[in-house]
Amino acid sequence: MRVKRFEDLAVWQKARDLSVLVYRSSSEGPFTRDWGLRDQIRRAAVSTMSNIAEGFGRYSRAELRQFLSIARGSATEVQSQLYLALELQHISESEHRMLNERCVEVSRMIAALRASIDRA
């Protein structure tokens, strides 16, 4: 079955969920006052879902592959920033673990989608 809308992609749905979780986590406690880190981690999370969608809307497989690479980089950026948020005690260890696992899941799904495009 061919996917007709980016909203139907499971990887986009997971990336959207990650974005919502990052927004919620960065809207509590001391994280709200760390504008630089808060805004950057939010932008990276949104970039992940946005680049999946943008790549889907492009005209070629090569462009989709490129945007998926950018999305995966953004998901990794979120992971990196989560370590800083943990060290600065903006998030708890359990919250870090949960968000990090979501990033890993999204990254793996992006890689799998890219591999399936390469095989097609």
N, C-alpha and C. Protein backbone atom coordinates (compact mmCIF):
# COMPACT_ATOMS: atom_id res chain seq x y z
N MET A 1 0.84 -1.18 0.00
CA MET A 1 0.00 0.00 0.00
C MET A 1 0.88 1.25 0.00
N ARG A 2 0.55 2.19 -0.83
CA ARG A 2 1.33 3.41 -0.95
C ARG A 2 0.77 4.48 0.00
N VAL A 3 1.67 5.13 0.72
CA VAL A 3 1.28 6.22 1.63
C VAL A 3 1.03 7.46 0.79
N LYS A 4 -0.13 8.08 1.02
CA LYS A 4 -0.50 9.25 0.21
C LYS A 4 -0.30 10.58 0.94
N ARG A 5 -0.24 10.53 2.28
CA ARG A 5 -0.09 11.75 3.07
C ARG A 5 1.00 11.53 4.11
N PHE A 6 1.78 12.57 4.37
CA PHE A 6 2.84 12.42 5.37
C PHE A 6 2.26 12.11 6.74
N GLU A 7 1.04 12.56 6.99
CA GLU A 7 0.40 12.31 8.30
C GLU A 7 0.18 10.82 8.55
N ASP A 8 0.18 10.03 7.50
CA ASP A 8 -0.01 8.59 7.64
C ASP A 8 1.28 7.84 7.95
N LEU A 9 2.41 8.51 7.84
CA LEU A 9 3.69 7.88 8.15
C LEU A 9 3.84 7.69 9.66
N ALA A 10 4.07 6.46 10.08
CA ALA A 10 4.25 6.20 11.51
C ALA A 10 5.43 6.98 12.07
N VAL A 11 6.48 7.14 11.29
CA VAL A 11 7.65 7.87 11.76
C VAL A 11 7.32 9.35 11.99
N TRP A 12 6.50 9.94 11.13
CA TRP A 12 6.11 11.33 11.35
C TRP A 12 5.26 11.45 12.62
N GLN A 13 4.36 10.49 12.83
CA GLN A 13 3.51 10.50 14.03
C GLN A 13 4.36 10.41 15.30
N LYS A 14 5.38 9.54 15.27
CA LYS A 14 6.27 9.41 16.44
C LYS A 14 7.09 10.69 16.64
N ALA A 15 7.54 11.29 15.55
CA ALA A 15 8.30 12.54 15.65
C ALA A 15 7.42 13.67 16.19
N ARG A 16 6.16 13.69 15.78
CA ARG A 16 5.22 14.68 16.31
C ARG A 16 5.02 14.47 17.81
N ASP A 17 4.85 13.22 18.22
CA ASP A 17 4.71 12.91 19.65
C ASP A 17 5.94 13.36 20.43
N LEU A 18 7.13 13.12 19.86
CA LEU A 18 8.37 13.56 20.51
C LEU A 18 8.36 15.08 20.68
N SER A 19 7.93 15.80 19.66
CA SER A 19 7.88 17.27 19.74
C SER A 19 6.97 17.72 20.87
N VAL A 20 5.81 17.11 20.97
CA VAL A 20 4.87 17.46 22.03
C VAL A 20 5.49 17.19 23.40
N LEU A 21 6.15 16.05 23.55
CA LEU A 21 6.78 15.71 24.83
C LEU A 21 7.90 16.69 25.18
N VAL A 22 8.69 17.08 24.18
CA VAL A 22 9.76 18.05 24.42
C VAL A 22 9.17 19.39 24.85
N TYR A 23 8.11 19.82 24.18
CA TYR A 23 7.46 21.08 24.57
C TYR A 23 6.94 21.00 26.01
N ARG A 24 6.31 19.90 26.35
CA ARG A 24 5.77 19.77 27.72
C ARG A 24 6.89 19.75 28.75
N SER A 25 7.95 18.98 28.47
CA SER A 25 9.06 18.88 29.43
C SER A 25 9.76 20.22 29.61
N SER A 26 9.85 21.00 28.53
CA SER A 26 10.57 22.27 28.61
C SER A 26 9.66 23.41 29.09
N SER A 27 8.44 23.08 29.46
CA SER A 27 7.50 24.09 29.96
C SER A 27 7.33 24.02 31.47
N GLU A 28 8.22 23.28 32.12
CA GLU A 28 8.11 23.11 33.57
C GLU A 28 9.41 23.47 34.27
N GLY A 29 9.28 23.94 35.50
CA GLY A 29 10.43 24.19 36.36
C GLY A 29 11.47 25.11 35.76
N PRO A 30 12.75 24.83 36.10
CA PRO A 30 13.83 25.72 35.65
C PRO A 30 14.04 25.73 34.14
N PHE A 31 13.54 24.69 33.47
CA PHE A 31 13.69 24.64 32.01
C PHE A 31 13.02 25.85 31.35
N THR A 32 11.93 26.34 31.94
CA THR A 32 11.20 27.46 31.34
C THR A 32 12.03 28.74 31.31
N ARG A 33 12.98 28.85 32.24
CA ARG A 33 13.79 30.07 32.32
C ARG A 33 15.09 29.98 31.52
N ASP A 34 15.45 28.80 31.04
CA ASP A 34 16.65 28.63 30.23
C ASP A 34 16.23 28.77 28.76
N TRP A 35 16.01 30.04 28.36
CA TRP A 35 15.42 30.31 27.05
C TRP A 35 16.25 29.73 25.90
N GLY A 36 17.55 29.82 25.99
CA GLY A 36 18.41 29.34 24.91
C GLY A 36 18.25 27.85 24.67
N LEU A 37 18.45 27.07 25.73
CA LEU A 37 18.34 25.62 25.59
C LEU A 37 16.90 25.21 25.29
N ARG A 38 15.97 25.83 25.97
CA ARG A 38 14.55 25.50 25.75
C ARG A 38 14.15 25.71 24.29
N ASP A 39 14.51 26.86 23.75
CA ASP A 39 14.13 27.16 22.37
C ASP A 39 14.87 26.27 21.38
N GLN A 40 16.14 25.98 21.65
CA GLN A 40 16.92 25.16 20.72
C GLN A 40 16.43 23.71 20.70
N ILE A 41 16.12 23.14 21.84
CA ILE A 41 15.64 21.75 21.86
C ILE A 41 14.26 21.65 21.23
N ARG A 42 13.45 22.68 21.42
CA ARG A 42 12.14 22.70 20.77
C ARG A 42 12.28 22.79 19.25
N ARG A 43 13.17 23.67 18.79
CA ARG A 43 13.38 23.80 17.34
C ARG A 43 13.89 22.51 16.73
N ALA A 44 14.80 21.83 17.43
CA ALA A 44 15.34 20.57 16.91
C ALA A 44 14.25 19.49 16.84
N ALA A 45 13.40 19.44 17.85
CA ALA A 45 12.31 18.45 17.85
C ALA A 45 11.34 18.73 16.71
N VAL A 46 10.96 19.99 16.55
CA VAL A 46 10.05 20.37 15.47
C VAL A 46 10.70 20.14 14.11
N SER A 47 11.99 20.39 14.02
CA SER A 47 12.73 20.16 12.77
C SER A 47 12.66 18.70 12.36
N THR A 48 12.68 17.80 13.32
CA THR A 48 12.62 16.37 13.02
C THR A 48 11.33 16.05 12.27
N MET A 49 10.20 16.43 12.85
CA MET A 49 8.92 16.12 12.19
C MET A 49 8.73 16.92 10.92
N SER A 50 9.20 18.17 10.92
CA SER A 50 9.02 19.02 9.74
C SER A 50 9.81 18.53 8.54
N ASN A 51 11.02 18.06 8.77
CA ASN A 51 11.83 17.57 7.66
C ASN A 51 11.32 16.26 7.09
N ILE A 52 10.71 15.44 7.92
CA ILE A 52 10.05 14.23 7.40
C ILE A 52 8.92 14.64 6.47
N ALA A 53 8.11 15.58 6.92
CA ALA A 53 6.99 16.05 6.11
C ALA A 53 7.48 16.73 4.84
N GLU A 54 8.47 17.60 4.96
CA GLU A 54 8.95 18.31 3.79
C GLU A 54 9.55 17.36 2.76
N GLY A 55 10.31 16.39 3.22
CA GLY A 55 10.87 15.41 2.29
C GLY A 55 9.79 14.62 1.57
N PHE A 56 8.74 14.30 2.29
CA PHE A 56 7.62 13.57 1.70
C PHE A 56 6.97 14.39 0.58
N GLY A 57 6.94 15.70 0.76
CA GLY A 57 6.30 16.58 -0.21
C GLY A 57 7.17 16.93 -1.40
N ARG A 58 8.41 16.48 -1.41
CA ARG A 58 9.30 16.77 -2.53
C ARG A 58 9.03 15.82 -3.69
N TYR A 59 9.63 16.14 -4.83
CA TYR A 59 9.33 15.41 -6.05
C TYR A 59 10.22 14.20 -6.32
N SER A 60 11.29 14.05 -5.59
CA SER A 60 12.19 12.94 -5.93
C SER A 60 12.59 12.15 -4.69
N ARG A 61 12.99 10.92 -4.95
CA ARG A 61 13.50 10.08 -3.86
C ARG A 61 14.77 10.67 -3.26
N ALA A 62 15.60 11.24 -4.13
CA ALA A 62 16.85 11.82 -3.64
C ALA A 62 16.58 12.94 -2.64
N GLU A 63 15.58 13.78 -2.93
CA GLU A 63 15.24 14.86 -2.01
C GLU A 63 14.65 14.29 -0.72
N LEU A 64 13.80 13.28 -0.82
CA LEU A 64 13.24 12.65 0.38
C LEU A 64 14.36 12.09 1.24
N ARG A 65 15.31 11.40 0.62
CA ARG A 65 16.44 10.84 1.37
C ARG A 65 17.21 11.94 2.09
N GLN A 66 17.45 13.05 1.40
CA GLN A 66 18.19 14.16 2.00
C GLN A 66 17.45 14.73 3.21
N PHE A 67 16.15 14.94 3.07
CA PHE A 67 15.38 15.49 4.19
C PHE A 67 15.28 14.50 5.35
N LEU A 68 15.25 13.22 5.05
CA LEU A 68 15.26 12.22 6.12
C LEU A 68 16.59 12.26 6.87
N SER A 69 17.68 12.50 6.14
CA SER A 69 18.98 12.63 6.80
C SER A 69 19.00 13.84 7.73
N ILE A 70 18.43 14.93 7.28
CA ILE A 70 18.35 16.13 8.12
C ILE A 70 17.48 15.86 9.34
N ALA A 71 16.36 15.17 9.14
CA ALA A 71 15.46 14.84 10.26
C ALA A 71 16.18 13.99 11.30
N ARG A 72 16.95 13.01 10.82
CA ARG A 72 17.68 12.14 11.75
C ARG A 72 18.73 12.94 12.53
N GLY A 73 19.38 13.87 11.84
CA GLY A 73 20.33 14.74 12.53
C GLY A 73 19.66 15.58 13.60
N SER A 74 18.47 16.07 13.31
CA SER A 74 17.73 16.86 14.30
C SER A 74 17.33 16.02 15.50
N ALA A 75 16.92 14.78 15.27
CA ALA A 75 16.57 13.89 16.39
C ALA A 75 17.79 13.64 17.27
N THR A 76 18.95 13.50 16.65
CA THR A 76 20.19 13.32 17.40
C THR A 76 20.56 14.59 18.17
N GLU A 77 20.27 15.73 17.57
CA GLU A 77 20.49 17.01 18.26
C GLU A 77 19.64 17.08 19.53
N VAL A 78 18.39 16.65 19.44
CA VAL A 78 17.53 16.61 20.63
C VAL A 78 18.17 15.74 21.70
N GLN A 79 18.65 14.56 21.30
CA GLN A 79 19.31 13.67 22.26
C GLN A 79 20.46 14.37 22.97
N SER A 80 21.30 15.04 22.21
CA SER A 80 22.45 15.73 22.78
C SER A 80 22.01 16.80 23.79
N GLN A 81 20.99 17.55 23.43
CA GLN A 81 20.52 18.61 24.30
C GLN A 81 19.84 18.06 25.56
N LEU A 82 19.27 16.87 25.44
CA LEU A 82 18.68 16.24 26.62
C LEU A 82 19.73 15.95 27.68
N TYR A 83 20.95 15.60 27.27
CA TYR A 83 22.02 15.37 28.24
C TYR A 83 22.35 16.64 29.00
N LEU A 84 22.37 17.77 28.30
CA LEU A 84 22.63 19.04 28.97
C LEU A 84 21.48 19.38 29.92
N ALA A 85 20.26 19.16 29.45
CA ALA A 85 19.10 19.43 30.32
C ALA A 85 19.15 18.57 31.59
N LEU A 86 19.59 17.35 31.46
CA LEU A 86 19.73 16.47 32.63
C LEU A 86 20.82 16.99 33.57
N GLU A 87 21.97 17.32 33.01
CA GLU A 87 23.09 17.81 33.83
C GLU A 87 22.73 19.11 34.56
N LEU A 88 21.93 19.93 33.91
CA LEU A 88 21.51 21.20 34.53
C LEU A 88 20.31 21.02 35.44
N GLN A 89 19.85 19.80 35.58
CA GLN A 89 18.72 19.43 36.42
C GLN A 89 17.42 20.10 35.97
N HIS A 90 17.30 20.28 34.66
CA HIS A 90 16.05 20.78 34.09
C HIS A 90 15.04 19.66 33.94
N ILE A 91 15.52 18.43 33.81
CA ILE A 91 14.66 17.25 33.72
C ILE A 91 15.22 16.17 34.64
N SER A 92 14.35 15.26 35.03
CA SER A 92 14.77 14.16 35.90
C SER A 92 15.43 13.05 35.07
N GLU A 93 16.08 12.13 35.75
CA GLU A 93 16.70 11.00 35.05
C GLU A 93 15.65 10.16 34.33
N SER A 94 14.51 9.94 34.96
CA SER A 94 13.47 9.13 34.31
C SER A 94 12.90 9.85 33.08
N GLU A 95 12.75 11.16 33.16
CA GLU A 95 12.26 11.92 32.01
C GLU A 95 13.30 11.89 30.89
N HIS A 96 14.57 12.03 31.26
CA HIS A 96 15.64 11.94 30.26
C HIS A 96 15.63 10.58 29.57
N ARG A 97 15.53 9.54 30.34
CA ARG A 97 15.52 8.18 29.78
C ARG A 97 14.36 8.01 28.80
N MET A 98 13.18 8.45 29.20
CA MET A 98 12.00 8.32 28.35
C MET A 98 12.15 9.11 27.05
N LEU A 99 12.58 10.36 27.15
CA LEU A 99 12.75 11.19 25.96
C LEU A 99 13.87 10.67 25.07
N ASN A 100 14.94 10.23 25.67
CA ASN A 100 16.05 9.67 24.91
C ASN A 100 15.62 8.42 24.14
N GLU A 101 14.84 7.56 24.80
CA GLU A 101 14.33 6.36 24.13
C GLU A 101 13.45 6.73 22.95
N ARG A 102 12.66 7.78 23.09
CA ARG A 102 11.82 8.25 21.98
C ARG A 102 12.68 8.73 20.82
N CYS A 103 13.75 9.46 21.13
CA CYS A 103 14.66 9.92 20.08
C CYS A 103 15.29 8.75 19.34
N VAL A 104 15.72 7.75 20.09
CA VAL A 104 16.32 6.57 19.47
C VAL A 104 15.31 5.87 18.58
N GLU A 105 14.08 5.74 19.05
CA GLU A 105 13.04 5.10 18.26
C GLU A 105 12.78 5.86 16.96
N VAL A 106 12.67 7.17 17.04
CA VAL A 106 12.43 7.99 15.84
C VAL A 106 13.62 7.86 14.89
N SER A 107 14.83 7.92 15.42
CA SER A 107 16.03 7.79 14.58
C SER A 107 16.06 6.46 13.85
N ARG A 108 15.73 5.40 14.55
CA ARG A 108 15.71 4.07 13.92
C ARG A 108 14.64 3.99 12.84
N MET A 109 13.50 4.58 13.11
CA MET A 109 12.42 4.56 12.11
C MET A 109 12.79 5.37 10.87
N ILE A 110 13.46 6.49 11.08
CA ILE A 110 13.92 7.29 9.94
C ILE A 110 14.93 6.48 9.12
N ALA A 111 15.86 5.83 9.80
CA ALA A 111 16.86 5.02 9.10
C ALA A 111 16.20 3.89 8.32
N ALA A 112 15.19 3.26 8.91
CA ALA A 112 14.49 2.16 8.22
C ALA A 112 13.74 2.68 7.00
N LEU A 113 13.10 3.84 7.13
CA LEU A 113 12.40 4.41 5.98
C LEU A 113 13.39 4.75 4.87
N ARG A 114 14.50 5.32 5.24
CA ARG A 114 15.52 5.68 4.24
C ARG A 114 16.05 4.42 3.56
N ALA A 115 16.27 3.37 4.32
CA ALA A 115 16.75 2.11 3.73
C ALA A 115 15.72 1.52 2.78
N SER A 116 14.45 1.63 3.12
CA SER A 116 13.41 1.10 2.24
C SER A 116 13.33 1.90 0.95
N ILE A 117 13.61 3.18 1.02
CA ILE A 117 13.63 4.01 -0.19
C ILE A 117 14.81 3.61 -1.06
N ASP A 118 15.94 3.33 -0.43
CA ASP A 118 17.12 2.90 -1.18
C ASP A 118 16.88 1.58 -1.91
N ARG A 119 16.10 0.70 -1.32
CA ARG A 119 15.82 -0.60 -1.94
C ARG A 119 14.79 -0.51 -3.05
N ALA A 120 13.94 0.52 -3.00
CA ALA A 120 12.85 0.64 -3.99
C ALA A 120 13.32 1.06 -5.36
